Amino acid sequence: MRTSKVTRRSLIAGGGAAAAIAVAAGVGFRSVEADAAVTTPITSAGRTGKGGPGSGSAKTLVLYDTTGDYGWLGEVYATQTANLSSRFGSWTAAPVAKYKSGDLNAYTAVVYLGSTYDEPLPAAFLTDVLATSKSVTWVYDNIWQLAARDGFTAKYGFASGAFDFAEITEVGYKGRKLTRSTDNKSGIMNLAISDSTKVTTLATAVRPDGTSFPWAVKSGNLTYVGEIPFAYVTHDDRYLAFADLLFDSLGGGTTERHRALIRIEDVGPDADPDGLKAVADYLSAQKVPFSVAVYPRFRDPKGVQNNGKAQDYTLASKPKVLAALKYMQAKGGTLIMHGYTHQYGAVANPYDGVSANDFEFYKAHVDAADSVIYDGPVAEDSAAWATSRMVASGAIFVATGLGAPKIFEFPHYAASALDYQAVNALFGKRYDRGLYFPGVLTGAKFDYTRQFGQFFPYPVRDVYGSVVVPENVGNVEIEPFNNHPVRMPADIIASAQRNLVVRDGVASCFYHSYLGTDHLKDLVTGIKAAGYTFVSAESVLNG
């Protein structure tokens, strides 16, 4: 097999991450110091992150709980809140237990995430919250500690009530019905409102019998949300309401805007060139900018698709596919890097070792219930290993005349924290849903047994430092798999319609070219009809 002179083996032999990044500069990646993202300092005041491109001047303090058997969830929820907060400016995340009198003065807003029942809250924090005129967003538990302070009820018109454990499956917001999973058995705080003239109900929780109660309220400078909005999240979830409420809490004046994006997924050397051209022709005719997620090397080490004979080739040996990709570029397509081989080694990870089927940067298996289970980083995982694969991939893009991609997407949206940091060092831009881990905010050892994902309804700069182009409404799946249901264009369009509750949000989907153009036409037509304007990923990176 003929390969580029820049190979994974040569990179590792040449000195690991530092050597890899030196080569990366020649391939066309941005110039940075090796492992810069890994050494981001975490001070005693907490972890701080910058706002994303186009963000405002907000400085948000995100405070979270740490005690009890599930104290680790505090960091999980703070990570997700910090990611969203970056849309509006910079943020600092810290345990609420570390709060000192006057800390709030350095920020424009505070978000407190009450995930531990009866977390001992510092008296200084409660005092400052009651005294401040700055925006306060209080989520879920321990509102009773604040409400017990003298003057609270008179000022805000409500007190803590009782948890409602009805099977709430719907949250009403801005005239739309957002979903709530039946797996979520946690109660929702039903506040005791004493003066309705002071309280505005922002969203309502709807019981099975049709009755409802406030899910989120606002009184003066205080916004209260009756549950943690990050548990059991789906495309159509009440999480969208929380993401939009942050525009009031953190964002100030925001112009209504609804942008759509589409990405053509899993395009490798084995793709059908005619199918790629047909997709490009349709999208170009519709004046729809699009992205193309490309892995440049195809591997089938077990010969699953070739009668037991292994296959391994790159775009360089597939001139028709290469020509089709250049055709897509000419028609308004932006190529992004979707890994190197989109599979791992010569093992089933989790399916058959074939490119586009398997994970590349993370281990996984399929359990007895037919669900994909994430197992953790691959055996040789390191920043140097991940960097070497990205550089080898980029070398093929450049050598074949496609140019160095400026945006990265992890295969199957999964990688270790070190891999995410490596992407931030090389690209600084991703187009995916992120996978996050306890330890990112605190600086502790990454806990890969408790990974969690997050999608975004608007561009953010996440806790790894990268600007993230969102993908948030999924893709067309004409058959169920691994306990995931069929998802047709109508389902994606319905999700896009629900996402309209986010005042400056996106509806971002992806599509496989092997499905032809009929479903694609339905998808594009329906999303446009919902009120969205298709834009390029590059434009979203600007804010």
Protein backbone atom coordinates (compact mmCIF):
# COMPACT_ATOMS: atom_id res chain seq x y z
CA MET A 1 0.00 0.00 0.00
CA ARG A 2 1.31 3.45 -0.88
CA THR A 3 0.97 5.93 1.97
CA SER A 4 1.96 9.48 2.76
CA LYS A 5 5.45 10.09 4.11
CA VAL A 6 3.77 11.46 7.24
CA THR A 7 2.70 8.30 9.06
CA ARG A 8 1.61 7.48 12.57
CA ARG A 9 4.74 5.36 13.07
CA SER A 10 7.11 8.12 12.00
CA LEU A 11 5.37 10.64 14.22
CA ILE A 12 5.59 8.51 17.34
CA ALA A 13 9.20 7.62 16.64
CA GLY A 14 9.96 11.29 16.09
CA GLY A 15 9.13 12.42 19.61
CA GLY A 16 5.43 12.15 20.44
CA ALA A 17 3.09 15.11 20.66
CA ALA A 18 5.74 17.80 20.20
CA ALA A 19 7.03 16.23 17.00
CA ALA A 20 3.51 15.58 15.79
CA ILE A 21 2.46 19.18 16.26
CA ALA A 22 5.62 20.39 14.52
CA VAL A 23 4.66 18.28 11.50
CA ALA A 24 1.08 19.48 11.85
CA ALA A 25 2.13 23.04 11.18
CA GLY A 26 3.56 21.91 7.87
CA VAL A 27 0.37 20.06 7.02
CA GLY A 28 -1.67 23.20 7.61
CA PHE A 29 -3.00 23.00 11.16
CA ARG A 30 -2.91 26.00 13.44
CA SER A 31 0.39 26.64 15.23
CA VAL A 32 0.22 26.05 18.98
CA GLU A 33 2.40 24.83 21.80
CA ALA A 34 2.33 21.09 22.38
CA ASP A 35 -0.23 20.00 24.94
CA ALA A 36 -1.25 23.59 25.68
CA ALA A 37 -4.80 22.53 26.45
CA VAL A 38 -3.69 19.83 28.87
CA THR A 39 -1.96 22.30 31.17
CA THR A 40 -4.80 24.80 31.51
CA PRO A 41 -4.50 25.98 35.14
CA ILE A 42 -7.25 25.35 37.66
CA THR A 43 -6.96 27.84 40.52
CA SER A 44 -8.38 27.80 44.03
CA ALA A 45 -11.14 30.04 42.71
CA GLY A 46 -12.24 27.32 40.31
CA ARG A 47 -11.92 26.55 36.62
CA THR A 48 -12.35 29.47 34.22
CA GLY A 49 -13.24 29.42 30.53
CA LYS A 50 -13.46 32.01 27.78
CA GLY A 51 -16.56 32.89 25.84
CA GLY A 52 -16.99 31.66 22.31
CA PRO A 53 -16.76 33.82 19.17
CA GLY A 54 -19.50 36.40 19.11
CA SER A 55 -20.29 35.94 22.78
CA GLY A 56 -21.22 38.86 24.97
CA SER A 57 -19.54 40.40 27.99
CA ALA A 58 -21.17 38.21 30.63
CA LYS A 59 -18.96 36.86 33.42
CA THR A 60 -20.86 33.95 34.91
CA LEU A 61 -20.10 32.25 38.21
CA VAL A 62 -21.26 28.62 38.12
CA LEU A 63 -21.52 27.09 41.60
CA TYR A 64 -22.16 23.42 42.26
CA ASP A 65 -22.64 20.90 45.08
CA THR A 66 -20.05 18.30 46.07
CA THR A 67 -21.30 16.38 49.12
CA GLY A 68 -23.11 13.07 49.50
CA ASP A 69 -22.96 9.79 47.60
CA TYR A 70 -23.80 11.58 44.36
CA GLY A 71 -21.69 14.66 44.95
CA TRP A 72 -19.81 13.95 41.72
CA LEU A 73 -22.95 14.90 39.79
CA GLY A 74 -22.38 18.51 40.79
CA GLU A 75 -19.35 18.72 38.54
CA VAL A 76 -21.23 16.95 35.75
CA TYR A 77 -24.01 19.55 35.79
CA ALA A 78 -21.56 22.43 36.21
CA THR A 79 -19.64 21.26 33.15
CA GLN A 80 -22.78 21.37 31.04
CA THR A 81 -23.79 24.75 32.45
CA ALA A 82 -20.32 26.16 31.80
CA ASN A 83 -20.49 24.96 28.21
CA LEU A 84 -23.80 26.76 27.67
CA SER A 85 -22.63 29.86 29.54
CA SER A 86 -19.78 30.32 27.08
CA ARG A 87 -22.35 31.44 24.53
CA PHE A 88 -22.73 34.64 26.55
CA GLY A 89 -19.20 35.30 27.78
CA SER A 90 -16.62 33.93 30.18
CA TRP A 91 -17.36 31.65 33.12
CA THR A 92 -15.85 30.36 36.33
CA ALA A 93 -17.02 27.08 37.88
CA ALA A 94 -16.35 26.24 41.53
CA PRO A 95 -17.85 24.24 44.40
CA VAL A 96 -20.38 26.33 46.30
CA ALA A 97 -18.64 25.28 49.52
CA LYS A 98 -15.67 27.46 48.52
CA TYR A 99 -17.76 30.61 48.17
CA LYS A 100 -16.50 33.61 50.16
CA SER A 101 -18.29 36.84 50.98
CA GLY A 102 -18.19 39.23 48.04
CA ASP A 103 -17.14 36.66 45.44
CA LEU A 104 -20.23 37.48 43.41
CA ASN A 105 -19.03 41.05 42.94
CA ALA A 106 -16.50 39.93 40.31
CA TYR A 107 -19.23 38.52 38.04
CA THR A 108 -22.28 39.72 36.15
CA ALA A 109 -24.40 36.68 37.02
CA VAL A 110 -24.43 33.51 39.10
CA VAL A 111 -25.92 30.09 38.37
CA TYR A 112 -26.27 27.74 41.34
CA LEU A 113 -26.92 24.05 40.64
CA GLY A 114 -28.57 22.35 43.60
CA SER A 115 -27.96 18.68 42.95
CA THR A 116 -27.45 17.48 46.54
CA TYR A 117 -30.43 17.64 48.88
CA ASP A 118 -29.53 19.80 51.90
CA GLU A 119 -26.02 20.63 50.72
CA PRO A 120 -24.67 22.92 53.47
CA LEU A 121 -24.63 26.30 51.71
CA PRO A 122 -22.25 28.97 53.02
CA ALA A 123 -24.05 31.74 54.88
CA ALA A 124 -22.03 34.26 52.86
CA PHE A 125 -23.46 32.86 49.63
CA LEU A 126 -27.07 33.11 50.85
CA THR A 127 -26.46 36.63 52.15
CA ASP A 128 -24.89 37.83 48.90
CA VAL A 129 -27.63 36.28 46.74
CA LEU A 130 -30.33 38.09 48.72
CA ALA A 131 -28.43 41.38 48.62
CA THR A 132 -27.38 41.44 44.97
CA SER A 133 -29.20 43.04 42.08
CA LYS A 134 -27.27 40.87 39.62
CA SER A 135 -28.90 37.99 37.79
CA VAL A 136 -29.27 34.84 39.88
CA THR A 137 -30.35 31.49 38.41
CA TRP A 138 -31.12 28.85 41.03
CA VAL A 139 -31.61 25.28 39.82
CA TYR A 140 -33.48 22.65 41.86
CA ASP A 141 -32.43 21.77 45.42
CA ASN A 142 -31.85 23.88 48.51
CA ILE A 143 -34.03 26.81 47.54
CA TRP A 144 -35.53 26.32 51.01
CA GLN A 145 -32.27 27.50 52.56
CA LEU A 146 -32.57 30.78 50.69
CA ALA A 147 -36.32 31.06 51.27
CA ALA A 148 -35.79 30.69 55.03
CA ARG A 149 -33.94 34.00 55.12
CA ASP A 150 -35.85 36.99 56.48
CA GLY A 151 -37.55 38.99 53.77
CA PHE A 152 -37.24 36.42 50.98
CA THR A 153 -40.94 35.69 50.52
CA ALA A 154 -41.90 39.34 50.79
CA LYS A 155 -39.33 40.27 48.15
CA TYR A 156 -39.89 37.46 45.65
CA GLY A 157 -43.49 36.38 46.25
CA PHE A 158 -42.84 32.67 46.68
CA ALA A 159 -41.39 30.13 49.06
CA SER A 160 -40.13 26.60 48.61
CA GLY A 161 -42.96 24.15 48.30
CA ALA A 162 -42.91 20.37 47.87
CA PHE A 163 -41.56 18.02 45.25
CA ASP A 164 -44.16 16.79 42.79
CA PHE A 165 -43.50 13.18 41.74
CA ALA A 166 -46.16 12.92 39.05
CA GLU A 167 -44.96 11.29 35.82
CA ILE A 168 -44.28 14.54 34.03
CA THR A 169 -43.62 13.92 30.33
CA GLU A 170 -44.23 17.43 29.00
CA VAL A 171 -42.94 20.90 29.75
CA GLY A 172 -44.73 23.78 28.08
CA TYR A 173 -42.54 26.65 26.93
CA LYS A 174 -43.27 29.46 24.50
CA GLY A 175 -46.37 27.67 23.27
CA ARG A 176 -44.53 24.46 22.40
CA LYS A 177 -44.58 21.05 24.05
CA LEU A 178 -41.11 19.97 25.09
CA THR A 179 -40.57 16.41 26.26
CA ARG A 180 -39.42 14.93 29.56
CA SER A 181 -38.32 11.30 29.77
CA THR A 182 -40.45 8.76 31.63
CA ASP A 183 -37.15 7.37 32.98
CA ASN A 184 -36.77 10.53 35.04
CA LYS A 185 -38.23 9.69 38.45
CA SER A 186 -36.86 12.74 40.24
CA GLY A 187 -39.48 15.10 41.54
CA ILE A 188 -39.93 18.67 40.37
CA MET A 189 -40.17 21.45 42.94
CA ASN A 190 -43.71 22.86 43.06
CA LEU A 191 -43.19 26.27 44.61
CA ALA A 192 -45.56 27.89 47.08
CA ILE A 193 -46.42 31.15 45.32
CA SER A 194 -47.82 33.74 47.71
CA ASP A 195 -47.87 36.84 45.48
CA SER A 196 -48.52 36.06 41.82
CA THR A 197 -48.03 39.72 40.89
CA LYS A 198 -44.33 39.31 41.62
CA VAL A 199 -43.84 35.95 39.94
CA THR A 200 -43.75 35.24 36.21
CA THR A 201 -44.15 31.61 35.16
CA LEU A 202 -41.66 30.94 32.38
CA ALA A 203 -42.40 27.26 31.73
CA THR A 204 -44.94 24.76 33.04
CA ALA A 205 -44.72 21.09 34.00
CA VAL A 206 -47.78 19.22 32.72
CA ARG A 207 -49.12 16.24 34.66
CA PRO A 208 -50.73 13.20 32.97
CA ASP A 209 -54.20 14.50 33.94
CA GLY A 210 -53.56 17.80 32.16
CA THR A 211 -53.04 19.92 35.26
CA SER A 212 -49.83 21.89 35.50
CA PHE A 213 -47.55 23.84 37.79
CA PRO A 214 -44.56 26.14 37.23
CA TRP A 215 -41.41 24.43 35.97
CA ALA A 216 -39.45 27.70 35.92
CA VAL A 217 -40.30 31.12 37.32
CA LYS A 218 -38.78 34.57 37.45
CA SER A 219 -39.16 37.16 40.18
CA GLY A 220 -37.05 40.28 40.07
CA ASN A 221 -33.44 39.28 39.46
CA LEU A 222 -34.05 35.64 40.48
CA THR A 223 -34.84 32.82 38.05
CA TYR A 224 -35.74 29.47 39.60
CA VAL A 225 -35.82 26.15 37.72
CA GLY A 226 -37.60 23.30 39.49
CA GLU A 227 -35.34 20.44 38.41
CA ILE A 228 -31.91 19.67 37.00
CA PRO A 229 -32.46 20.02 33.22
CA PHE A 230 -29.51 17.82 32.20
CA ALA A 231 -30.85 14.38 33.14
CA TYR A 232 -32.35 12.03 30.49
CA VAL A 233 -32.06 14.59 27.71
CA THR A 234 -33.39 13.98 24.18
CA HIS A 235 -33.58 16.06 20.98
CA ASP A 236 -36.93 17.55 22.04
CA ASP A 237 -36.26 17.96 25.73
CA ARG A 238 -37.09 20.64 28.31
CA TYR A 239 -33.32 21.17 28.31
CA LEU A 240 -34.05 23.52 25.39
CA ALA A 241 -36.09 25.75 27.69
CA PHE A 242 -33.19 26.05 30.11
CA ALA A 243 -30.77 26.80 27.27
CA ASP A 244 -33.06 29.61 26.13
CA LEU A 245 -33.68 31.02 29.61
CA LEU A 246 -29.96 31.73 29.83
CA PHE A 247 -30.44 34.46 27.23
CA ASP A 248 -32.45 36.38 29.85
CA SER A 249 -30.18 35.46 32.75
CA LEU A 250 -26.84 35.95 31.00
CA GLY A 251 -27.30 37.34 27.54
CA GLY A 252 -29.12 40.64 27.60
CA GLY A 253 -30.76 41.76 24.37
CA THR A 254 -30.67 39.09 21.65
CA THR A 255 -32.09 39.27 18.15
CA GLU A 256 -34.29 36.33 17.15
CA ARG A 257 -32.40 34.17 14.68
CA HIS A 258 -32.86 30.57 13.53
CA ARG A 259 -30.07 28.96 11.52
CA ALA A 260 -29.86 25.45 10.10
CA LEU A 261 -26.87 23.29 9.20
CA ILE A 262 -26.47 20.01 7.39
CA ARG A 263 -23.47 17.70 7.30
CA ILE A 264 -22.94 14.78 4.92
CA GLU A 265 -21.63 12.04 7.17
CA ASP A 266 -19.16 9.14 7.05
CA VAL A 267 -17.61 9.80 3.66
CA GLY A 268 -14.54 7.67 3.04
CA PRO A 269 -12.55 6.24 0.13
CA ASP A 270 -15.24 3.55 -0.23
CA ALA A 271 -18.05 6.05 -0.88
CA ASP A 272 -20.17 6.05 -4.04
CA PRO A 273 -18.94 9.06 -6.07
CA ASP A 274 -22.17 9.37 -8.01
CA GLY A 275 -24.14 9.50 -4.77
CA LEU A 276 -21.89 12.24 -3.45
CA LYS A 277 -22.33 14.29 -6.61
CA ALA A 278 -26.11 13.88 -6.52
CA VAL A 279 -26.22 15.21 -2.96
CA ALA A 280 -23.99 18.14 -3.89
CA ASP A 281 -26.11 18.98 -6.94
CA TYR A 282 -29.32 19.07 -4.92
CA LEU A 283 -27.94 21.13 -2.04
CA SER A 284 -26.24 23.56 -4.40
CA ALA A 285 -29.45 24.01 -6.38
CA GLN A 286 -31.24 24.79 -3.12
CA LYS A 287 -28.50 27.27 -2.14
CA VAL A 288 -27.79 25.21 0.97
CA PRO A 289 -24.21 25.36 2.27
CA PHE A 290 -23.09 22.00 3.64
CA SER A 291 -20.24 20.20 5.32
CA VAL A 292 -18.78 16.79 4.45
CA ALA A 293 -17.32 14.61 7.21
CA VAL A 294 -14.41 12.72 5.61
CA TYR A 295 -12.12 9.97 6.87
CA PRO A 296 -9.33 9.53 4.28
CA ARG A 297 -8.25 5.94 4.93
CA PHE A 298 -10.49 2.87 4.64
CA ARG A 299 -9.68 -0.28 6.59
CA ASP A 300 -11.37 -3.66 6.76
CA PRO A 301 -8.71 -5.70 8.56
CA LYS A 302 -10.87 -8.81 8.86
CA GLY A 303 -12.09 -8.75 5.28
CA VAL A 304 -15.70 -8.52 6.44
CA GLN A 305 -16.73 -6.83 3.20
CA ASN A 306 -14.24 -8.64 0.95
CA ASN A 307 -14.72 -12.39 1.44
CA GLY A 308 -12.22 -12.61 4.26
CA LYS A 309 -9.45 -10.67 2.51
CA ALA A 310 -8.27 -7.55 4.37
CA GLN A 311 -8.56 -4.14 2.71
CA ASP A 312 -6.60 -0.97 3.42
CA TYR A 313 -6.49 2.01 1.06
CA THR A 314 -6.67 5.81 1.04
CA LEU A 315 -8.34 8.48 -1.05
CA ALA A 316 -5.21 8.62 -3.18
CA SER A 317 -6.11 5.25 -4.71
CA LYS A 318 -9.73 6.20 -5.41
CA PRO A 319 -9.62 8.96 -8.05
CA LYS A 320 -13.38 8.97 -8.66
CA VAL A 321 -14.16 9.49 -4.99
CA LEU A 322 -11.47 12.15 -4.80
CA ALA A 323 -12.95 13.92 -7.81
CA ALA A 324 -16.40 13.75 -6.22
CA LEU A 325 -15.10 15.39 -3.05
CA LYS A 326 -13.54 18.20 -5.08
CA TYR A 327 -16.85 18.52 -6.91
CA MET A 328 -18.61 18.87 -3.56
CA GLN A 329 -16.18 21.61 -2.58
CA ALA A 330 -16.94 23.44 -5.81
CA LYS A 331 -20.66 23.16 -5.05
CA GLY A 332 -20.35 24.86 -1.67
CA GLY A 333 -19.25 21.97 0.52
CA THR A 334 -16.73 22.29 3.34
CA LEU A 335 -14.69 19.20 4.13
CA ILE A 336 -14.09 18.44 7.79
CA MET A 337 -11.88 15.73 9.27
CA HIS A 338 -13.85 12.78 10.60
CA GLY A 339 -10.92 10.91 12.06
CA TYR A 340 -8.29 8.95 10.17
CA THR A 341 -9.77 5.48 9.64
CA HIS A 342 -13.03 5.68 11.64
CA GLN A 343 -12.19 2.31 13.22
CA TYR A 344 -9.65 0.94 15.66
CA GLY A 345 -6.97 -1.65 15.02
CA ALA A 346 -8.04 -5.11 13.91
CA VAL A 347 -10.73 -5.64 16.53
CA ALA A 348 -14.48 -5.25 16.69
CA ASN A 349 -15.03 -1.86 18.31
CA PRO A 350 -17.86 -2.61 18.72
CA TYR A 351 -19.03 -4.17 15.45
CA ASP A 352 -16.58 -5.56 12.90
CA GLY A 353 -13.46 -3.38 12.56
CA VAL A 354 -14.68 -1.80 9.31
CA SER A 355 -14.24 1.92 8.68
CA ALA A 356 -17.32 4.06 9.40
CA ASN A 357 -18.85 1.27 11.47
CA ASP A 358 -16.55 1.35 14.48
CA PHE A 359 -15.18 3.81 17.02
CA GLU A 360 -11.66 5.10 16.45
CA PHE A 361 -10.70 6.99 19.62
CA TYR A 362 -12.69 5.12 22.29
CA LYS A 363 -13.43 1.52 23.21
CA ALA A 364 -16.97 0.15 23.13
CA HIS A 365 -18.91 -3.09 23.00
CA VAL A 366 -22.49 -4.20 22.37
CA ASP A 367 -24.09 -5.82 25.41
CA ALA A 368 -26.65 -8.62 25.67
CA ALA A 369 -29.47 -6.09 25.47
CA ASP A 370 -28.12 -4.80 22.11
CA SER A 371 -26.99 -1.47 23.54
CA VAL A 372 -23.61 0.09 22.80
CA ILE A 373 -21.62 0.42 26.03
CA TYR A 374 -18.68 2.81 26.27
CA ASP A 375 -15.66 1.13 27.88
CA GLY A 376 -13.13 3.97 28.05
CA PRO A 377 -9.98 5.13 26.24
CA VAL A 378 -8.13 2.78 23.91
CA ALA A 379 -5.05 1.03 25.29
CA GLU A 380 -2.46 3.35 23.75
CA ASP A 381 -4.44 6.54 24.29
CA SER A 382 -2.42 9.72 24.77
CA ALA A 383 -2.26 13.22 23.36
CA ALA A 384 0.63 12.09 21.15
CA TRP A 385 -1.27 9.07 19.82
CA ALA A 386 -4.38 11.09 19.01
CA THR A 387 -2.32 13.87 17.44
CA SER A 388 -0.45 11.42 15.25
CA ARG A 389 -3.70 10.08 13.79
CA MET A 390 -5.00 13.55 13.06
CA VAL A 391 -1.75 14.60 11.42
CA ALA A 392 -1.63 11.43 9.32
CA SER A 393 -5.20 12.09 8.25
CA GLY A 394 -4.44 15.71 7.40
CA ALA A 395 -1.44 14.68 5.34
CA ILE A 396 -3.70 12.66 3.04
CA PHE A 397 -6.11 15.57 2.63
CA VAL A 398 -3.22 17.83 1.64
CA ALA A 399 -1.42 15.31 -0.58
CA THR A 400 -4.58 14.65 -2.59
CA GLY A 401 -5.29 18.35 -3.15
CA LEU A 402 -8.27 18.66 -0.82
CA GLY A 403 -6.56 21.10 1.52
CA ALA A 404 -6.10 20.81 5.28
CA PRO A 405 -9.44 20.65 7.11
CA LYS A 406 -10.05 23.36 9.68
CA ILE A 407 -12.71 21.53 11.71
CA PHE A 408 -12.66 18.12 13.38
CA GLU A 409 -15.44 15.65 14.20
CA PHE A 410 -14.80 12.62 16.39
CA PRO A 411 -16.07 9.34 14.92
CA HIS A 412 -19.23 8.35 16.79
CA TYR A 413 -18.77 11.46 18.97
CA ALA A 414 -16.49 9.62 21.40
CA ALA A 415 -12.94 10.15 22.65
CA SER A 416 -10.94 10.57 25.82
CA ALA A 417 -10.36 13.92 27.50
CA LEU A 418 -6.75 13.81 26.26
CA ASP A 419 -7.99 13.34 22.70
CA TYR A 420 -10.32 16.32 23.02
CA GLN A 421 -7.43 18.39 24.30
CA ALA A 422 -5.31 17.25 21.36
CA VAL A 423 -8.04 18.38 18.95
CA ASN A 424 -8.16 21.74 20.67
CA ALA A 425 -4.40 22.09 20.23
CA LEU A 426 -4.49 21.24 16.51
CA PHE A 427 -7.84 22.64 15.39
CA GLY A 428 -9.56 24.62 18.14
CA LYS A 429 -12.82 23.82 16.33
CA ARG A 430 -15.12 20.82 16.40
CA TYR A 431 -18.45 19.94 14.81
CA ASP A 432 -20.13 17.33 17.01
CA ARG A 433 -21.66 16.51 20.36
CA GLY A 434 -19.11 16.41 23.16
CA LEU A 435 -18.25 13.63 25.58
CA TYR A 436 -17.23 14.90 29.02
CA PHE A 437 -15.89 13.43 32.25
CA PRO A 438 -15.62 14.28 35.94
CA GLY A 439 -12.18 15.72 36.51
CA VAL A 440 -12.24 18.25 33.68
CA LEU A 441 -13.37 21.08 35.97
CA THR A 442 -11.61 20.02 39.16
CA GLY A 443 -8.28 18.91 37.75
CA ALA A 444 -8.71 15.49 39.34
CA LYS A 445 -8.04 12.25 37.50
CA PHE A 446 -10.55 11.83 34.67
CA ASP A 447 -13.31 9.42 35.66
CA TYR A 448 -14.08 7.40 32.55
CA THR A 449 -16.71 5.33 34.36
CA ARG A 450 -19.01 8.35 34.48
CA GLN A 451 -18.83 9.87 31.01
CA PHE A 452 -21.71 12.02 29.81
CA GLY A 453 -22.60 13.64 26.51
CA GLN A 454 -24.08 17.00 25.64
CA PHE A 455 -25.48 18.60 22.52
CA PHE A 456 -25.79 22.34 22.08
CA PRO A 457 -28.57 24.42 20.52
CA TYR A 458 -26.10 27.21 19.72
CA PRO A 459 -22.33 27.50 19.21
CA VAL A 460 -20.21 27.35 22.36
CA ARG A 461 -16.62 27.15 23.50
CA ASP A 462 -16.63 24.03 25.62
CA VAL A 463 -14.58 23.11 28.67
CA TYR A 464 -11.86 21.61 26.45
CA GLY A 465 -11.35 25.06 24.90
CA SER A 466 -12.66 24.30 21.41
CA VAL A 467 -15.38 26.22 19.63
CA VAL A 468 -18.13 23.73 18.85
CA VAL A 469 -20.43 23.87 15.84
CA PRO A 470 -23.60 22.20 17.12
CA GLU A 471 -25.31 19.07 15.88
CA ASN A 472 -28.54 18.79 17.82
CA VAL A 473 -31.43 17.21 15.90
CA GLY A 474 -29.89 13.96 14.70
CA ASN A 475 -30.01 12.11 11.40
CA VAL A 476 -32.25 10.00 9.21
CA GLU A 477 -32.25 6.32 10.25
CA ILE A 478 -34.59 4.16 8.21
CA GLU A 479 -34.13 1.08 10.41
CA PRO A 480 -33.89 0.70 14.21
CA PHE A 481 -30.52 -0.29 15.68
CA ASN A 482 -29.00 -0.75 19.13
CA ASN A 483 -32.27 0.27 20.79
CA HIS A 484 -32.42 3.48 18.78
CA PRO A 485 -35.71 3.97 16.93
CA VAL A 486 -36.31 4.75 13.29
CA ARG A 487 -35.87 8.47 12.70
CA MET A 488 -37.33 9.89 9.51
CA PRO A 489 -37.25 13.42 8.08
CA ALA A 490 -40.58 14.20 9.76
CA ASP A 491 -39.06 13.39 13.16
CA ILE A 492 -36.08 15.64 12.57
CA ILE A 493 -38.32 18.44 11.33
CA ALA A 494 -40.46 18.09 14.47
CA SER A 495 -37.31 18.44 16.57
CA ALA A 496 -36.31 21.51 14.59
CA GLN A 497 -39.71 23.02 15.29
CA ARG A 498 -39.29 22.46 19.02
CA ASN A 499 -35.82 23.99 18.84
CA LEU A 500 -37.45 27.23 17.71
CA VAL A 501 -37.97 28.00 21.41
CA VAL A 502 -34.27 28.90 21.51
CA ARG A 503 -34.29 32.50 20.37
CA ASP A 504 -30.86 32.39 18.70
CA GLY A 505 -30.59 28.68 18.10
CA VAL A 506 -29.75 26.24 15.36
CA ALA A 507 -31.26 23.10 13.91
CA SER A 508 -28.25 21.07 12.86
CA CYS A 509 -28.53 17.59 11.36
CA PHE A 510 -26.44 15.10 9.42
CA TYR A 511 -27.20 12.80 6.52
CA HIS A 512 -25.67 9.76 4.81
CA SER A 513 -25.28 10.00 1.05
CA TYR A 514 -26.06 6.30 0.55
CA LEU A 515 -29.69 7.09 1.42
CA GLY A 516 -30.10 8.94 -1.88
CA THR A 517 -31.69 12.36 -2.21
CA ASP A 518 -35.41 11.74 -1.59
CA HIS A 519 -35.15 11.88 2.21
CA LEU A 520 -32.69 14.75 1.88
CA LYS A 521 -35.20 16.77 -0.12
CA ASP A 522 -37.89 16.19 2.52
CA LEU A 523 -35.47 17.21 5.24
CA VAL A 524 -34.27 20.44 3.63
CA THR A 525 -37.75 21.48 2.53
CA GLY A 526 -39.26 20.85 5.95
CA ILE A 527 -36.56 22.64 7.91
CA LYS A 528 -36.79 25.66 5.64
CA ALA A 529 -40.58 25.68 6.03
CA ALA A 530 -40.16 25.65 9.81
CA GLY A 531 -38.48 29.05 9.57
CA TYR A 532 -34.78 28.24 9.40
CA THR A 533 -32.10 29.57 7.06
CA PHE A 534 -29.31 27.18 6.08
CA VAL A 535 -25.82 28.52 6.73
CA SER A 536 -22.27 27.21 6.61
CA ALA A 537 -20.38 25.78 9.55
CA GLU A 538 -17.76 28.49 9.09
CA SER A 539 -20.34 31.23 9.64
CA VAL A 540 -21.52 29.59 12.85
CA LEU A 541 -17.94 29.48 14.10
CA ASN A 542 -18.02 33.28 14.04
CA GLY A 543 -20.85 33.37 16.56
